[in-house]
Amino acid sequence: MNNERRTTPGLWPRIRLGWRIAAFLTATVALYLGLRLDGLFRRRLSKIERINLWVPRWARTFLWLFGVHVEARGPHLDAKQLYPGCDSNGVGRIFVANHRSAIDIPVVLSLFAGHAISRHDLANWPLFGSLGKQVGTLYVDRSSRRSGAEVLGEVDASLKSGEGVVMFPEGTSHLGDDVHAFRPGAFKAAERAGAQLVPWAIAYEDDDAHYYHESFTNHLLRIGTRRRLHVAVVAAEPISPDGRTAIEVRDAVQEQVQAMVHEARSLIQPSYTKAVTQAKPLADVSL
């Protein structure tokens, strides 16, 4: 990884950022209108089916406009299919991964059928806050226990309705490839709902993409002015607790995600040599 993080872009990168923002706003409005019109003319589709059709289109448009190339490996992803958000019994899945960047959100929404959990202040952003609520984004104030409890209730309801949810158990974004301690919330939610967990991992080509100890504005400015950004994602088969406690599953999944991060790193850095082995399924991970 390149550990030098740019902070002050030049003139041309700022011009690039300007047209990207203008194009993205235009595309967001157009795709939202498409979603609404789809609801009027194709009533056979449920609300979640329409969301899982149009939100990935929005996410892929963002990634294309901002020069983000995603290399994805794993079930469904190898065939360039959206990873389903529910199991064969109609129970929603929880997608869990390491968290490194604001770009994680459009990346995951382009690949997995799941609702994102986002910072509470983004709910008040013009246009994006209200649109996010309409497509199922869950907003949480991580400094408030009450807000955390409320969003876990919304997670439970989503899973019961057969809708996937994306959760980052580290609790915040970090720098580098080391996976930090997973909090138990996602795994307790899976235990309550009888839901499957889908481990996945993400790696960026350099630290410019990482959101760490800086303002959110500076983070977006640095990402938006890059010409291109290479990202790798590795996903695993869905797993079930199979009689294990939420804490046992959490520890095993964290170990699995760490192995998958190394695998993702090797996809964008072929010379990467840090004990890269294909991530083992949960059943093979020692508890």
Protein backbone atom coordinates (compact mmCIF):
# COMPACT_ATOMS: atom_id res chain seq x y z
CA MET A 1 0.00 0.00 0.00
CA ASN A 2 1.04 3.58 -0.55
CA ASN A 3 0.98 5.26 2.87
CA GLU A 4 1.25 8.83 1.58
CA ARG A 5 -2.16 10.51 1.75
CA ARG A 6 -2.77 13.54 -0.49
CA THR A 7 -4.55 16.43 1.19
CA THR A 8 -4.43 19.43 -1.24
CA PRO A 9 -5.49 18.61 -4.82
CA GLY A 10 -4.43 20.83 -7.72
CA LEU A 11 -6.59 22.70 -10.22
CA TRP A 12 -7.34 19.87 -12.66
CA PRO A 13 -8.29 17.39 -9.93
CA ARG A 14 -10.71 19.99 -8.55
CA ILE A 15 -12.25 20.45 -11.99
CA ARG A 16 -12.56 16.66 -12.22
CA LEU A 17 -14.31 16.63 -8.87
CA GLY A 18 -16.73 19.35 -9.97
CA TRP A 19 -17.96 17.56 -13.07
CA ARG A 20 -18.16 14.28 -11.20
CA ILE A 21 -20.40 15.82 -8.55
CA ALA A 22 -22.60 17.45 -11.18
CA ALA A 23 -22.90 14.21 -13.15
CA PHE A 24 -23.58 12.19 -10.00
CA LEU A 25 -26.34 14.52 -8.82
CA THR A 26 -27.96 14.35 -12.24
CA ALA A 27 -27.69 10.56 -12.32
CA THR A 28 -29.07 10.26 -8.77
CA VAL A 29 -32.19 12.24 -9.66
CA ALA A 30 -32.65 10.33 -12.93
CA LEU A 31 -32.29 6.93 -11.25
CA TYR A 32 -34.65 7.90 -8.44
CA LEU A 33 -37.27 8.91 -11.03
CA GLY A 34 -36.66 5.56 -12.71
CA LEU A 35 -37.32 3.81 -9.40
CA ARG A 36 -40.59 5.67 -8.90
CA LEU A 37 -41.77 5.08 -12.46
CA ASP A 38 -40.88 1.42 -12.14
CA GLY A 39 -43.21 1.27 -9.15
CA LEU A 40 -46.05 2.68 -11.24
CA PHE A 41 -45.63 0.46 -14.30
CA ARG A 42 -44.33 -2.82 -12.84
CA ARG A 43 -46.56 -3.42 -9.86
CA ARG A 44 -45.76 -7.13 -9.80
CA LEU A 45 -42.41 -6.28 -8.24
CA SER A 46 -42.30 -5.82 -4.48
CA LYS A 47 -40.73 -2.72 -2.99
CA ILE A 48 -37.59 -4.59 -1.94
CA GLU A 49 -37.24 -6.16 -5.40
CA ARG A 50 -37.31 -2.69 -6.96
CA ILE A 51 -34.82 -1.39 -4.41
CA ASN A 52 -32.49 -4.32 -5.13
CA LEU A 53 -32.76 -3.50 -8.84
CA TRP A 54 -32.23 0.26 -8.74
CA VAL A 55 -29.88 0.80 -5.78
CA PRO A 56 -27.11 -1.33 -7.34
CA ARG A 57 -27.52 0.69 -10.54
CA TRP A 58 -27.06 3.87 -8.52
CA ALA A 59 -23.99 2.45 -6.76
CA ARG A 60 -22.39 1.26 -10.00
CA THR A 61 -23.01 4.68 -11.56
CA PHE A 62 -21.21 6.34 -8.64
CA LEU A 63 -18.26 3.97 -8.92
CA TRP A 64 -17.99 4.52 -12.68
CA LEU A 65 -18.16 8.30 -12.42
CA PHE A 66 -15.53 8.42 -9.68
CA GLY A 67 -13.15 6.06 -11.45
CA VAL A 68 -13.48 3.21 -8.96
CA HIS A 69 -12.72 -0.21 -10.45
CA VAL A 70 -13.95 -3.12 -8.35
CA GLU A 71 -12.55 -6.62 -8.70
CA ALA A 72 -14.90 -9.02 -6.92
CA ARG A 73 -14.53 -12.73 -6.15
CA GLY A 74 -16.87 -15.16 -4.43
CA PRO A 75 -20.28 -16.82 -4.74
CA HIS A 76 -22.57 -14.95 -7.16
CA LEU A 77 -19.90 -12.26 -7.61
CA ASP A 78 -17.82 -14.49 -9.90
CA ALA A 79 -20.84 -14.65 -12.21
CA LYS A 80 -21.32 -10.87 -11.86
CA GLN A 81 -24.61 -11.42 -10.03
CA LEU A 82 -25.98 -9.53 -7.05
CA TYR A 83 -25.41 -11.55 -3.87
CA PRO A 84 -28.96 -12.38 -2.63
CA GLY A 85 -30.08 -10.66 0.56
CA CYS A 86 -32.10 -13.57 1.94
CA ASP A 87 -31.84 -17.33 2.32
CA SER A 88 -34.10 -20.03 0.89
CA ASN A 89 -36.43 -19.66 3.89
CA GLY A 90 -36.99 -15.96 3.22
CA VAL A 91 -34.92 -14.74 6.19
CA GLY A 92 -32.64 -11.77 5.54
CA ARG A 93 -28.86 -12.13 5.62
CA ILE A 94 -26.29 -9.99 7.43
CA PHE A 95 -23.25 -9.06 5.35
CA VAL A 96 -20.23 -8.37 7.61
CA ALA A 97 -16.82 -6.98 6.66
CA ASN A 98 -13.92 -4.75 7.59
CA HIS A 99 -14.58 -1.00 7.19
CA ARG A 100 -12.07 1.33 5.54
CA SER A 101 -13.70 4.09 3.50
CA ALA A 102 -16.85 5.94 2.54
CA ILE A 103 -16.41 4.13 -0.77
CA ASP A 104 -17.24 0.89 1.09
CA ILE A 105 -20.91 1.86 0.88
CA PRO A 106 -21.33 2.16 -2.92
CA VAL A 107 -19.04 -0.86 -3.33
CA VAL A 108 -21.19 -3.08 -1.10
CA LEU A 109 -24.45 -1.76 -2.56
CA SER A 110 -23.22 -2.60 -6.06
CA LEU A 111 -22.51 -6.23 -5.09
CA PHE A 112 -24.84 -7.26 -2.24
CA ALA A 113 -28.61 -6.99 -1.81
CA GLY A 114 -28.61 -5.31 1.58
CA HIS A 115 -29.55 -2.11 3.37
CA ALA A 116 -26.62 0.04 4.49
CA ILE A 117 -26.22 1.41 8.01
CA SER A 118 -24.90 4.96 7.83
CA ARG A 119 -23.88 7.86 10.07
CA HIS A 120 -26.85 9.65 11.61
CA ASP A 121 -25.80 13.09 10.35
CA LEU A 122 -26.04 11.94 6.72
CA ALA A 123 -29.80 11.52 7.22
CA ASN A 124 -30.04 15.34 7.17
CA TRP A 125 -28.07 15.82 3.95
CA PRO A 126 -30.12 17.47 1.18
CA LEU A 127 -31.43 14.94 -1.35
CA PHE A 128 -29.31 11.97 -0.21
CA GLY A 129 -30.72 11.81 3.32
CA SER A 130 -34.34 11.58 2.20
CA LEU A 131 -33.57 9.27 -0.72
CA GLY A 132 -31.56 7.02 1.57
CA LYS A 133 -34.50 6.63 3.93
CA GLN A 134 -36.81 5.74 1.05
CA VAL A 135 -34.57 2.88 -0.10
CA GLY A 136 -34.09 1.45 3.39
CA THR A 137 -30.85 3.00 4.65
CA LEU A 138 -30.61 2.75 8.43
CA TYR A 139 -29.08 5.70 10.28
CA VAL A 140 -27.34 5.40 13.64
CA ASP A 141 -25.63 7.75 16.08
CA ARG A 142 -22.78 5.58 17.32
CA SER A 143 -22.32 7.78 20.40
CA SER A 144 -25.91 7.14 21.54
CA ARG A 145 -26.97 3.85 23.13
CA ARG A 146 -30.59 4.69 22.41
CA SER A 147 -29.88 5.21 18.72
CA GLY A 148 -27.92 1.97 18.63
CA ALA A 149 -30.80 0.07 20.22
CA GLU A 150 -33.28 1.59 17.77
CA VAL A 151 -31.23 0.64 14.72
CA LEU A 152 -30.83 -2.93 16.01
CA GLY A 153 -34.63 -3.09 16.21
CA GLU A 154 -34.78 -1.94 12.58
CA VAL A 155 -32.21 -4.60 11.68
CA ASP A 156 -34.38 -7.27 13.31
CA ALA A 157 -37.42 -6.06 11.35
CA SER A 158 -35.50 -6.04 8.06
CA LEU A 159 -34.22 -9.59 8.57
CA LYS A 160 -37.70 -10.81 9.46
CA SER A 161 -39.00 -9.23 6.25
CA GLY A 162 -36.40 -11.08 4.20
CA GLU A 163 -34.19 -8.05 3.57
CA GLY A 164 -30.40 -8.10 3.79
CA VAL A 165 -28.44 -5.73 6.01
CA VAL A 166 -24.82 -4.62 5.69
CA MET A 167 -22.95 -4.22 9.01
CA PHE A 168 -19.36 -3.29 9.82
CA PRO A 169 -18.66 -4.93 13.20
CA GLU A 170 -15.44 -2.95 13.77
CA GLY A 171 -17.77 -0.04 14.60
CA THR A 172 -15.80 2.56 12.65
CA SER A 173 -13.36 2.82 9.76
CA HIS A 174 -9.68 2.03 10.20
CA LEU A 175 -6.40 2.36 8.32
CA GLY A 176 -4.61 -0.66 6.88
CA ASP A 177 -5.40 -4.33 6.43
CA ASP A 178 -5.46 -5.43 10.07
CA VAL A 179 -9.03 -6.31 11.07
CA HIS A 180 -9.90 -4.76 14.44
CA ALA A 181 -12.03 -6.36 17.13
CA PHE A 182 -15.57 -7.11 16.01
CA ARG A 183 -18.41 -5.91 18.18
CA PRO A 184 -21.10 -8.53 18.91
CA GLY A 185 -24.19 -6.62 17.69
CA ALA A 186 -24.37 -8.13 14.18
CA PHE A 187 -23.87 -11.65 15.49
CA LYS A 188 -26.49 -11.31 18.22
CA ALA A 189 -28.92 -9.96 15.61
CA ALA A 190 -28.23 -13.04 13.46
CA GLU A 191 -28.79 -15.26 16.49
CA ARG A 192 -32.12 -13.60 17.31
CA ALA A 193 -33.41 -13.83 13.75
CA GLY A 194 -31.94 -17.19 12.81
CA ALA A 195 -30.22 -15.34 9.98
CA GLN A 196 -27.23 -16.36 7.93
CA LEU A 197 -24.05 -14.30 8.01
CA VAL A 198 -22.07 -13.57 4.85
CA PRO A 199 -18.43 -12.64 5.57
CA TRP A 200 -16.76 -10.45 2.96
CA ALA A 201 -13.61 -8.33 2.88
CA ILE A 202 -12.38 -5.25 1.08
CA ALA A 203 -8.92 -3.91 0.24
CA TYR A 204 -7.89 -0.68 -1.52
CA GLU A 205 -4.80 -0.15 -3.62
CA ASP A 206 -3.51 2.58 -1.31
CA ASP A 207 -4.35 4.55 1.83
CA ASP A 208 -5.76 7.52 -0.12
CA ALA A 209 -9.11 5.72 0.03
CA HIS A 210 -9.11 5.24 3.79
CA TYR A 211 -11.20 7.39 6.12
CA TYR A 212 -9.14 7.77 9.28
CA HIS A 213 -8.62 10.65 11.72
CA GLU A 214 -9.77 13.42 9.37
CA SER A 215 -12.91 15.34 8.49
CA PHE A 216 -15.45 13.63 6.28
CA THR A 217 -15.18 16.56 3.82
CA ASN A 218 -11.42 16.10 3.42
CA HIS A 219 -11.93 12.39 2.92
CA LEU A 220 -14.47 12.91 0.13
CA LEU A 221 -12.32 15.65 -1.45
CA ARG A 222 -9.30 13.37 -1.65
CA ILE A 223 -11.26 10.44 -3.09
CA GLY A 224 -13.22 12.56 -5.54
CA THR A 225 -10.12 14.16 -7.08
CA ARG A 226 -8.31 10.90 -7.85
CA ARG A 227 -8.26 9.80 -11.47
CA ARG A 228 -8.97 6.18 -10.58
CA LEU A 229 -9.04 3.81 -7.65
CA HIS A 230 -8.68 0.03 -7.64
CA VAL A 231 -10.63 -1.99 -5.07
CA ALA A 232 -10.81 -5.72 -4.39
CA VAL A 233 -13.66 -7.57 -2.68
CA VAL A 234 -13.75 -11.22 -1.61
CA ALA A 235 -16.98 -12.81 -0.36
CA ALA A 236 -17.63 -16.17 1.28
CA GLU A 237 -20.50 -18.64 1.33
CA PRO A 238 -23.27 -17.77 3.83
CA ILE A 239 -22.82 -19.41 7.22
CA SER A 240 -25.17 -20.27 10.09
CA PRO A 241 -24.37 -20.39 13.82
CA ASP A 242 -25.08 -24.16 13.99
CA GLY A 243 -25.37 -24.19 17.75
CA ARG A 244 -22.45 -21.83 18.42
CA THR A 245 -22.91 -18.77 20.56
CA ALA A 246 -22.89 -15.30 19.00
CA ILE A 247 -19.46 -14.63 20.56
CA GLU A 248 -17.98 -17.84 19.17
CA VAL A 249 -19.31 -17.02 15.72
CA ARG A 250 -18.04 -13.45 15.98
CA ASP A 251 -14.48 -14.58 16.76
CA ALA A 252 -14.48 -17.15 13.97
CA VAL A 253 -15.88 -14.71 11.40
CA GLN A 254 -13.33 -12.07 12.37
CA GLU A 255 -10.55 -14.58 11.70
CA GLN A 256 -12.14 -15.49 8.39
CA VAL A 257 -12.50 -11.84 7.32
CA GLN A 258 -8.83 -11.23 8.13
CA ALA A 259 -7.80 -14.09 5.85
CA MET A 260 -10.09 -12.74 3.14
CA VAL A 261 -8.55 -9.26 3.44
CA HIS A 262 -5.16 -10.78 2.59
CA GLU A 263 -6.76 -12.60 -0.33
CA ALA A 264 -8.32 -9.34 -1.56
CA ARG A 265 -4.97 -7.57 -1.20
CA SER A 266 -3.33 -10.20 -3.40
CA LEU A 267 -5.88 -9.47 -6.16
CA ILE A 268 -4.71 -5.85 -6.51
CA GLN A 269 -1.09 -6.50 -5.53
CA PRO A 270 0.00 -9.78 -7.15
CA SER A 271 3.39 -9.48 -5.44
CA TYR A 272 1.73 -9.42 -2.01
CA THR A 273 3.26 -12.22 0.05
CA LYS A 274 1.91 -11.89 3.62
CA ALA A 275 0.74 -15.45 4.26
CA VAL A 276 -1.97 -15.25 1.62
CA THR A 277 -4.12 -18.37 1.69
CA GLN A 278 -7.67 -18.75 0.49
CA ALA A 279 -10.07 -17.92 3.31
CA LYS A 280 -11.36 -21.03 5.08
CA PRO A 281 -15.12 -21.51 5.51
CA LEU A 282 -16.44 -21.01 9.00
CA ALA A 283 -16.86 -24.73 9.61
CA ASP A 284 -13.08 -25.16 9.19
CA VAL A 285 -12.10 -22.28 11.47
CA SER A 286 -11.06 -23.40 14.90
CA LEU A 287 -13.17 -22.03 17.71
